[in-house]
Amino acid sequence: MNVIDTAIPDVKIIEPQVFGDDRGFFLESFNQTKFNAAVGRDVAFVQDNHSRSQCGVLRGLHYQIQQPQGKLVRVVAGEVFDVAVDLRKSSPTFGHWVGVTLSADNKRQLWVPEGFAHGFLVTSDHAEFLYKTTDFWAPQYERGIVWNDATLAINWPDADVSELLVSGKDAAAQHFASADYFD
C-alpha cells in the first residue's frame, strides 16, 4: 500500500495495491500490521459502519468529546469529498482542515485520528461509505460543528447550497468558536 501525507501530518491517505484484469480486481482493504506501520502506532478498531447517501447529502462535522473515535474511511460506490478538522488545542494544526476525494474508482482510504471532527459531501448520484472506528458510538458525547463555519472556511466542492441535504441536527450544530475541543 501507498501512504500519502496530508497537510495535517496525523491524517493519512492510504492507497491499497490493486490487482486487476479483464475479470475485475482484488485489493487488500485492511491489514492491521501494515496499517499500524503506516500511522506509526498501534490502532485497534471496534466497530464497522456503512452508510448510503444520495447526491448533495452533507454529513458532519461530527466527533465525540469523550470516547473519541479514530476513523478509517472509504467509499465502495460513488464519490465523496471527505473532510477532517483538527480539534486538538495542543496541536500546531488546531483549527485546520484537510479535504480529500474518496471514490469507488480511486479506492483511497482516509485515516482520521481521534481528536478530529469528520464529515463528507456526496458528489456522485449516490455513495456507499464504509468506516472503521476505534471506539463505540456514544450519542451522549456526540458533538458537531456546522459544515459552513466561517472560521474554518472549508472549501467544499461547488454545490448549490439550496440543494444540499443536511440533517436538522447538523444544520443546528455549533460554530467552531463555541465548540468543545480536545486538550
C-alpha atoms as a PDB file:
ATOM      1  CA  MET A   1       0.000   0.000   0.000  1.00  0.00           C
ATOM      2  CA  ASN A   2       0.991   3.589  -0.563  1.00  0.00           C
ATOM      3  CA  VAL A   3       0.688   6.095   2.311  1.00  0.00           C
ATOM      4  CA  ILE A   4       0.343   9.775   1.411  1.00  0.00           C
ATOM      5  CA  ASP A   5       0.884  12.511   3.964  1.00  0.00           C
ATOM      6  CA  THR A   6      -1.613  15.367   4.061  1.00  0.00           C
ATOM      7  CA  ALA A   7      -1.188  18.961   5.241  1.00  0.00           C
ATOM      8  CA  ILE A   8      -2.040  17.653   8.722  1.00  0.00           C
ATOM      9  CA  PRO A   9       0.664  15.058   9.475  1.00  0.00           C
ATOM     10  CA  ASP A  10      -1.558  12.713  11.530  1.00  0.00           C
ATOM     11  CA  VAL A  11      -4.198  12.442   8.773  1.00  0.00           C
ATOM     12  CA  LYS A  12      -3.116   9.946   6.112  1.00  0.00           C
ATOM     13  CA  ILE A  13      -4.372   8.948   2.669  1.00  0.00           C
ATOM     14  CA  ILE A  14      -3.959   5.221   2.137  1.00  0.00           C
ATOM     15  CA  GLU A  15      -3.920   3.761  -1.352  1.00  0.00           C
ATOM     16  CA  PRO A  16      -4.181  -0.026  -1.476  1.00  0.00           C
ATOM     17  CA  GLN A  17      -2.358  -2.038  -4.088  1.00  0.00           C
ATOM     18  CA  VAL A  18      -4.976  -3.072  -6.663  1.00  0.00           C
ATOM     19  CA  PHE A  19      -4.577  -6.161  -8.821  1.00  0.00           C
ATOM     20  CA  GLY A  20      -6.872  -6.016 -11.822  1.00  0.00           C
ATOM     21  CA  ASP A  21      -7.533  -7.651 -15.158  1.00  0.00           C
ATOM     22  CA  ASP A  22     -10.468  -8.119 -17.529  1.00  0.00           C
ATOM     23  CA  ARG A  23     -12.299 -10.142 -14.840  1.00  0.00           C
ATOM     24  CA  GLY A  24     -12.265  -7.364 -12.257  1.00  0.00           C
ATOM     25  CA  PHE A  25      -9.935  -6.512  -9.383  1.00  0.00           C
ATOM     26  CA  PHE A  26      -8.673  -7.612  -5.987  1.00  0.00           C
ATOM     27  CA  LEU A  27      -7.334  -5.460  -3.165  1.00  0.00           C
ATOM     28  CA  GLU A  28      -6.497  -5.943   0.468  1.00  0.00           C
ATOM     29  CA  SER A  29      -8.770  -3.383   2.129  1.00  0.00           C
ATOM     30  CA  PHE A  30      -7.207  -3.710   5.576  1.00  0.00           C
ATOM     31  CA  ASN A  31      -4.112  -5.261   7.116  1.00  0.00           C
ATOM     32  CA  GLN A  32      -3.525  -4.500  10.811  1.00  0.00           C
ATOM     33  CA  THR A  33       0.260  -4.749  10.665  1.00  0.00           C
ATOM     34  CA  LYS A  34       0.617  -2.544   7.575  1.00  0.00           C
ATOM     35  CA  PHE A  35      -1.910  -0.026   8.880  1.00  0.00           C
ATOM     36  CA  ASN A  36      -0.154   0.342  12.256  1.00  0.00           C
ATOM     37  CA  ALA A  37       3.157   0.887  10.457  1.00  0.00           C
ATOM     38  CA  ALA A  38       1.539   3.488   8.186  1.00  0.00           C
ATOM     39  CA  VAL A  39       0.131   5.576  11.049  1.00  0.00           C
ATOM     40  CA  GLY A  40       3.054   4.979  13.408  1.00  0.00           C
ATOM     41  CA  ARG A  41       1.138   3.473  16.320  1.00  0.00           C
ATOM     42  CA  ASP A  42      -0.988   0.515  17.309  1.00  0.00           C
ATOM     43  CA  VAL A  43      -4.643   1.099  16.475  1.00  0.00           C
ATOM     44  CA  ALA A  44      -7.498  -1.212  17.431  1.00  0.00           C
ATOM     45  CA  PHE A  45     -10.840  -0.944  15.653  1.00  0.00           C
ATOM     46  CA  VAL A  46     -14.024  -1.967  17.478  1.00  0.00           C
ATOM     47  CA  GLN A  47     -16.858  -1.103  15.092  1.00  0.00           C
ATOM     48  CA  ASP A  48     -17.560  -1.060  11.331  1.00  0.00           C
ATOM     49  CA  ASN A  49     -20.233   1.229   9.848  1.00  0.00           C
ATOM     50  CA  HIS A  50     -21.816   1.505   6.399  1.00  0.00           C
ATOM     51  CA  SER A  51     -23.941   4.385   5.119  1.00  0.00           C
ATOM     52  CA  ARG A  52     -25.580   5.144   1.800  1.00  0.00           C
ATOM     53  CA  SER A  53     -26.440   8.692   0.801  1.00  0.00           C
ATOM     54  CA  GLN A  54     -27.697  10.446  -2.311  1.00  0.00           C
ATOM     55  CA  CYS A  55     -26.090  13.298  -4.210  1.00  0.00           C
ATOM     56  CA  GLY A  56     -25.878  16.522  -2.219  1.00  0.00           C
ATOM     57  CA  VAL A  57     -26.047  14.881   1.214  1.00  0.00           C
ATOM     58  CA  LEU A  58     -23.626  16.542   3.605  1.00  0.00           C
ATOM     59  CA  ARG A  59     -22.940  14.650   6.824  1.00  0.00           C
ATOM     60  CA  GLY A  60     -20.945  16.272   9.592  1.00  0.00           C
ATOM     61  CA  LEU A  61     -18.888  17.666  11.027  1.00  0.00           C
ATOM     62  CA  HIS A  62     -19.133  15.013  13.776  1.00  0.00           C
ATOM     63  CA  TYR A  63     -16.979  13.962  16.729  1.00  0.00           C
ATOM     64  CA  GLN A  64     -17.277  12.540  20.238  1.00  0.00           C
ATOM     65  CA  ILE A  65     -15.787  14.681  23.009  1.00  0.00           C
ATOM     66  CA  GLN A  66     -15.408  11.569  25.215  1.00  0.00           C
ATOM     67  CA  GLN A  67     -14.757   8.120  23.778  1.00  0.00           C
ATOM     68  CA  PRO A  68     -13.243   9.860  20.731  1.00  0.00           C
ATOM     69  CA  GLN A  69     -13.261   7.821  17.559  1.00  0.00           C
ATOM     70  CA  GLY A  70     -10.430   7.423  15.107  1.00  0.00           C
ATOM     71  CA  LYS A  71     -11.927   6.547  11.715  1.00  0.00           C
ATOM     72  CA  LEU A  72     -10.584   4.711   8.693  1.00  0.00           C
ATOM     73  CA  VAL A  73     -12.999   5.697   5.921  1.00  0.00           C
ATOM     74  CA  ARG A  74     -13.516   4.636   2.312  1.00  0.00           C
ATOM     75  CA  VAL A  75     -16.117   4.701  -0.451  1.00  0.00           C
ATOM     76  CA  VAL A  76     -17.188   1.499  -2.232  1.00  0.00           C
ATOM     77  CA  ALA A  77     -19.792   3.064  -4.556  1.00  0.00           C
ATOM     78  CA  GLY A  78     -19.814   6.626  -5.864  1.00  0.00           C
ATOM     79  CA  GLU A  79     -17.729   9.560  -4.675  1.00  0.00           C
ATOM     80  CA  VAL A  80     -17.497  11.923  -1.699  1.00  0.00           C
ATOM     81  CA  PHE A  81     -15.439  14.906  -0.636  1.00  0.00           C
ATOM     82  CA  ASP A  82     -14.222  13.882   2.825  1.00  0.00           C
ATOM     83  CA  VAL A  83     -13.070  16.383   5.470  1.00  0.00           C
ATOM     84  CA  ALA A  84     -11.138  16.128   8.749  1.00  0.00           C
ATOM     85  CA  VAL A  85     -10.809  19.118  11.116  1.00  0.00           C
ATOM     86  CA  ASP A  86      -8.154  19.178  13.849  1.00  0.00           C
ATOM     87  CA  LEU A  87      -9.795  19.926  17.226  1.00  0.00           C
ATOM     88  CA  ARG A  88      -6.721  19.252  19.387  1.00  0.00           C
ATOM     89  CA  LYS A  89      -5.884  22.531  21.169  1.00  0.00           C
ATOM     90  CA  SER A  90      -2.269  21.430  21.715  1.00  0.00           C
ATOM     91  CA  SER A  91      -1.725  20.711  18.012  1.00  0.00           C
ATOM     92  CA  PRO A  92       0.117  23.112  15.691  1.00  0.00           C
ATOM     93  CA  THR A  93      -2.654  22.391  13.148  1.00  0.00           C
ATOM     94  CA  PHE A  94      -5.526  23.146  15.560  1.00  0.00           C
ATOM     95  CA  GLY A  95      -8.459  24.533  13.558  1.00  0.00           C
ATOM     96  CA  HIS A  96      -7.010  23.418  10.224  1.00  0.00           C
ATOM     97  CA  TRP A  97      -8.822  21.051   7.876  1.00  0.00           C
ATOM     98  CA  VAL A  98      -7.934  18.571   5.152  1.00  0.00           C
ATOM     99  CA  GLY A  99     -10.252  17.571   2.310  1.00  0.00           C
ATOM    100  CA  VAL A 100      -9.820  14.547   0.038  1.00  0.00           C
ATOM    101  CA  THR A 101     -11.913  12.995  -2.732  1.00  0.00           C
ATOM    102  CA  LEU A 102     -12.647   9.354  -1.960  1.00  0.00           C
ATOM    103  CA  SER A 103     -14.324   7.194  -4.575  1.00  0.00           C
ATOM    104  CA  ALA A 104     -15.008   3.655  -5.667  1.00  0.00           C
ATOM    105  CA  ASP A 105     -12.721   4.386  -8.620  1.00  0.00           C
ATOM    106  CA  ASN A 106      -9.672   5.698  -6.733  1.00  0.00           C
ATOM    107  CA  LYS A 107     -10.135   3.207  -3.848  1.00  0.00           C
ATOM    108  CA  ARG A 108      -8.391   5.598  -1.458  1.00  0.00           C
ATOM    109  CA  GLN A 109      -8.936   5.476   2.276  1.00  0.00           C
ATOM    110  CA  LEU A 110      -8.510   8.285   4.772  1.00  0.00           C
ATOM    111  CA  TRP A 111      -7.255   7.828   8.328  1.00  0.00           C
ATOM    112  CA  VAL A 112      -8.872  10.417  10.614  1.00  0.00           C
ATOM    113  CA  PRO A 113      -7.376  10.022  14.099  1.00  0.00           C
ATOM    114  CA  GLU A 114      -9.047  10.700  17.414  1.00  0.00           C
ATOM    115  CA  GLY A 115      -9.322  14.418  18.162  1.00  0.00           C
ATOM    116  CA  PHE A 116     -10.768  15.387  14.781  1.00  0.00           C
ATOM    117  CA  ALA A 117     -14.226  16.329  13.529  1.00  0.00           C
ATOM    118  CA  HIS A 118     -15.225  14.468  10.373  1.00  0.00           C
ATOM    119  CA  GLY A 119     -17.729  14.998   7.583  1.00  0.00           C
ATOM    120  CA  PHE A 120     -18.359  14.379   3.916  1.00  0.00           C
ATOM    121  CA  LEU A 121     -20.344  15.641   0.924  1.00  0.00           C
ATOM    122  CA  VAL A 122     -21.673  13.179  -1.658  1.00  0.00           C
ATOM    123  CA  THR A 123     -20.641  14.399  -5.133  1.00  0.00           C
ATOM    124  CA  SER A 124     -21.975  11.477  -7.219  1.00  0.00           C
ATOM    125  CA  ASP A 125     -25.560  10.229  -7.744  1.00  0.00           C
ATOM    126  CA  HIS A 126     -25.155   8.224  -4.547  1.00  0.00           C
ATOM    127  CA  ALA A 127     -22.317   6.944  -2.377  1.00  0.00           C
ATOM    128  CA  GLU A 128     -21.774   4.000  -0.086  1.00  0.00           C
ATOM    129  CA  PHE A 129     -19.391   4.947   2.691  1.00  0.00           C
ATOM    130  CA  LEU A 130     -17.622   2.438   4.962  1.00  0.00           C
ATOM    131  CA  TYR A 131     -15.707   3.251   8.091  1.00  0.00           C
ATOM    132  CA  LYS A 132     -13.975   1.515  10.945  1.00  0.00           C
ATOM    133  CA  THR A 133     -13.907   3.233  14.341  1.00  0.00           C
ATOM    134  CA  THR A 134     -11.569   2.943  17.313  1.00  0.00           C
ATOM    135  CA  ASP A 135     -14.354   3.378  19.859  1.00  0.00           C
ATOM    136  CA  PHE A 136     -18.067   2.722  20.009  1.00  0.00           C
ATOM    137  CA  TRP A 137     -20.733   5.268  19.126  1.00  0.00           C
ATOM    138  CA  ALA A 138     -21.716   7.170  22.283  1.00  0.00           C
ATOM    139  CA  PRO A 139     -24.572   9.577  21.485  1.00  0.00           C
ATOM    140  CA  GLN A 140     -24.284  11.306  24.876  1.00  0.00           C
ATOM    141  CA  TYR A 141     -20.786  12.515  23.887  1.00  0.00           C
ATOM    142  CA  GLU A 142     -21.575  13.322  20.273  1.00  0.00           C
ATOM    143  CA  ARG A 143     -20.815  16.860  19.143  1.00  0.00           C
ATOM    144  CA  GLY A 144     -20.972  18.701  15.847  1.00  0.00           C
ATOM    145  CA  ILE A 145     -19.597  21.765  14.132  1.00  0.00           C
ATOM    146  CA  VAL A 146     -21.709  23.374  11.436  1.00  0.00           C
ATOM    147  CA  TRP A 147     -20.467  22.451   7.964  1.00  0.00           C
ATOM    148  CA  ASN A 148     -20.272  26.055   6.686  1.00  0.00           C
ATOM    149  CA  ASP A 149     -18.493  27.617   9.666  1.00  0.00           C
ATOM    150  CA  ALA A 150     -16.848  30.860   8.531  1.00  0.00           C
ATOM    151  CA  THR A 151     -13.785  30.432  10.754  1.00  0.00           C
ATOM    152  CA  LEU A 152     -12.960  27.010   9.297  1.00  0.00           C
ATOM    153  CA  ALA A 153     -13.836  28.179   5.754  1.00  0.00           C
ATOM    154  CA  ILE A 154     -13.900  24.633   4.348  1.00  0.00           C
ATOM    155  CA  ASN A 155     -13.662  24.725   0.580  1.00  0.00           C
ATOM    156  CA  TRP A 156     -16.449  22.248  -0.197  1.00  0.00           C
ATOM    157  CA  PRO A 157     -16.782  21.327  -3.900  1.00  0.00           C
ATOM    158  CA  ASP A 158     -19.018  23.622  -5.915  1.00  0.00           C
ATOM    159  CA  ALA A 159     -22.557  22.787  -4.971  1.00  0.00           C
ATOM    160  CA  ASP A 160     -25.887  24.550  -4.966  1.00  0.00           C
ATOM    161  CA  VAL A 161     -26.219  25.299  -1.239  1.00  0.00           C
ATOM    162  CA  SER A 162     -30.013  25.407  -1.555  1.00  0.00           C
ATOM    163  CA  GLU A 163     -29.925  21.792  -2.759  1.00  0.00           C
ATOM    164  CA  LEU A 164     -27.613  20.386  -0.074  1.00  0.00           C
ATOM    165  CA  LEU A 165     -29.297  17.811   2.126  1.00  0.00           C
ATOM    166  CA  VAL A 166     -28.240  18.418   5.724  1.00  0.00           C
ATOM    167  CA  SER A 167     -29.922  16.894   8.766  1.00  0.00           C
ATOM    168  CA  GLY A 168     -31.606  19.222  11.241  1.00  0.00           C
ATOM    169  CA  LYS A 169     -29.044  18.207  13.855  1.00  0.00           C
ATOM    170  CA  ASP A 170     -26.120  19.050  11.540  1.00  0.00           C
ATOM    171  CA  ALA A 171     -27.682  22.354  10.429  1.00  0.00           C
ATOM    172  CA  ALA A 172     -28.032  23.395  14.100  1.00  0.00           C
ATOM    173  CA  ALA A 173     -24.500  22.329  15.099  1.00  0.00           C
ATOM    174  CA  GLN A 174     -22.135  24.631  16.996  1.00  0.00           C
ATOM    175  CA  HIS A 175     -19.792  27.081  15.347  1.00  0.00           C
ATOM    176  CA  PHE A 176     -16.084  26.337  15.695  1.00  0.00           C
ATOM    177  CA  ALA A 177     -15.561  29.225  18.151  1.00  0.00           C
ATOM    178  CA  SER A 178     -18.013  27.726  20.646  1.00  0.00           C
ATOM    179  CA  ALA A 179     -17.289  24.036  20.057  1.00  0.00           C
ATOM    180  CA  ASP A 180     -15.850  21.626  22.609  1.00  0.00           C
ATOM    181  CA  TYR A 181     -12.202  20.851  21.842  1.00  0.00           C
ATOM    182  CA  PHE A 182      -9.670  18.217  22.834  1.00  0.00           C
ATOM    183  CA  ASP A 183      -6.650  19.093  25.037  1.00  0.00           C
END
